[in-house]
């Protein structure tokens, strides 16, 4: 019984330190969006899946992050959101309303 308790606590601890996905998107100009995906500890995730989805549910773009862990695409005309999906239960969503011009001091990936 004690062994099962230890295994349960260890499993819960591993889940608590899991690398959660973090996505951020900016407008490069009026027609171009750039998004970056990473773990919550800042590790880049080249090759990870990032999709652009219309509010109707239609997938507009099935993308993969490039070597810099970014995805650049033409801004859709219809309402949309960006889904960063690294595994079942590990997703991050960026709503269209959150995507704005970057601040004056920009990170390299925003340029």
Protein backbone atom coordinates (compact mmCIF):
# COMPACT_ATOMS: atom_id res chain seq x y z
CA UNK A 1 0.00 0.00 0.00
CA UNK A 2 2.80 2.39 0.89
CA UNK A 3 4.43 1.67 -2.48
CA UNK A 4 1.23 2.65 -4.31
CA UNK A 5 1.07 5.88 -2.34
CA UNK A 6 4.65 6.76 -3.29
CA UNK A 7 3.97 5.99 -6.96
CA UNK A 8 0.84 8.17 -6.86
CA UNK A 9 2.70 11.10 -5.33
CA UNK A 10 5.56 10.75 -7.84
CA UNK A 11 3.10 10.70 -10.75
CA UNK A 12 1.34 13.82 -9.48
CA UNK A 13 4.70 15.58 -9.11
CA UNK A 14 5.70 14.76 -12.67
CA UNK A 15 2.41 16.13 -13.98
CA UNK A 16 2.86 19.34 -11.99
CA UNK A 17 6.20 20.07 -13.67
CA UNK A 18 5.05 19.18 -17.19
CA UNK A 19 6.10 21.62 -19.88
CA UNK A 20 2.99 23.61 -20.72
CA UNK A 21 2.77 25.15 -24.20
CA UNK A 22 2.84 28.94 -24.49
CA UNK A 23 1.91 30.76 -27.70
CA UNK A 24 2.14 34.44 -28.54
CA UNK A 25 1.22 36.17 -31.79
CA UNK A 26 1.86 39.67 -33.17
CA UNK A 27 0.98 41.60 -36.30
CA UNK A 28 4.04 42.28 -38.45
CA UNK A 29 1.86 44.51 -40.62
CA UNK A 30 -1.86 44.80 -41.37
CA UNK A 31 -1.85 41.55 -43.38
CA UNK A 32 0.81 39.37 -41.71
CA UNK A 33 0.74 37.50 -38.40
CA UNK A 34 3.74 35.87 -36.72
CA UNK A 35 3.29 33.45 -33.84
CA UNK A 36 5.86 31.83 -31.58
CA UNK A 37 5.40 28.62 -29.67
CA UNK A 38 7.50 27.48 -26.74
CA UNK A 39 7.33 25.61 -23.45
CA UNK A 40 6.53 27.57 -20.31
CA UNK A 41 10.23 27.41 -19.46
CA UNK A 42 11.10 29.15 -22.74
CA UNK A 43 12.41 26.15 -24.69
CA UNK A 44 11.75 26.50 -28.41
CA UNK A 45 9.72 23.82 -30.16
CA UNK A 46 10.62 23.72 -33.87
CA UNK A 47 8.41 21.30 -35.77
CA UNK A 48 5.54 21.52 -33.28
CA UNK A 49 2.04 21.87 -34.69
CA UNK A 50 0.29 25.25 -34.77
CA UNK A 51 -3.00 25.68 -36.62
CA UNK A 52 -5.09 28.66 -37.65
CA UNK A 53 -8.78 27.89 -37.20
CA UNK A 54 -11.88 29.86 -38.24
CA UNK A 55 -14.51 30.40 -35.55
CA UNK A 56 -16.76 28.20 -37.71
CA UNK A 57 -14.37 25.31 -36.92
CA UNK A 58 -12.76 25.14 -40.36
CA UNK A 59 -8.99 24.67 -40.30
CA UNK A 60 -7.53 27.51 -42.38
CA UNK A 61 -3.86 26.54 -41.99
CA UNK A 62 -2.18 23.43 -40.64
CA UNK A 63 1.26 24.69 -39.73
CA UNK A 64 4.54 23.56 -38.19
CA UNK A 65 6.89 25.86 -36.32
CA UNK A 66 10.10 26.69 -38.17
CA UNK A 67 13.67 26.49 -36.84
CA UNK A 68 13.07 29.69 -34.81
CA UNK A 69 9.90 28.20 -33.35
CA UNK A 70 7.70 30.65 -35.29
CA UNK A 71 4.88 30.45 -37.83
CA UNK A 72 4.16 33.38 -40.16
CA UNK A 73 0.94 33.57 -42.17
CA UNK A 74 -1.41 35.91 -44.01
CA UNK A 75 -4.06 37.27 -41.66
CA UNK A 76 -7.38 35.55 -42.47
CA UNK A 77 -10.32 37.72 -43.46
CA UNK A 78 -12.78 35.76 -41.30
CA UNK A 79 -12.68 35.59 -37.49
CA UNK A 80 -10.06 33.07 -36.31
CA UNK A 81 -7.89 31.81 -33.48
CA UNK A 82 -4.49 30.13 -33.31
CA UNK A 83 -4.18 26.70 -31.68
CA UNK A 84 -0.77 25.53 -30.45
CA UNK A 85 -1.25 21.81 -29.85
CA UNK A 86 1.73 19.80 -28.63
CA UNK A 87 -0.03 16.74 -27.16
CA UNK A 88 -3.43 15.63 -25.90
CA UNK A 89 -4.37 18.00 -23.10
CA UNK A 90 -1.45 20.34 -23.82
CA UNK A 91 -2.78 23.21 -25.91
CA UNK A 92 -2.53 26.97 -25.93
CA UNK A 93 -4.98 29.25 -27.76
CA UNK A 94 -4.42 32.80 -29.01
CA UNK A 95 -7.66 34.62 -29.80
CA UNK A 96 -7.75 37.02 -32.75
CA UNK A 97 -8.41 39.94 -30.39
CA UNK A 98 -5.10 39.27 -28.61
CA UNK A 99 -3.03 39.70 -31.80
CA UNK A 100 -1.72 43.26 -32.02
CA UNK A 101 1.27 45.22 -33.21
CA UNK A 102 4.32 44.40 -31.09
CA UNK A 103 5.70 46.84 -28.54
CA UNK A 104 8.44 49.25 -29.63
CA UNK A 105 11.12 47.07 -28.08
CA UNK A 106 10.68 43.81 -29.93
CA UNK A 107 12.12 40.38 -29.41
CA UNK A 108 14.04 39.05 -32.41
CA UNK A 109 11.27 36.62 -33.35
CA UNK A 110 8.83 39.54 -33.78
CA UNK A 111 10.91 41.16 -36.53
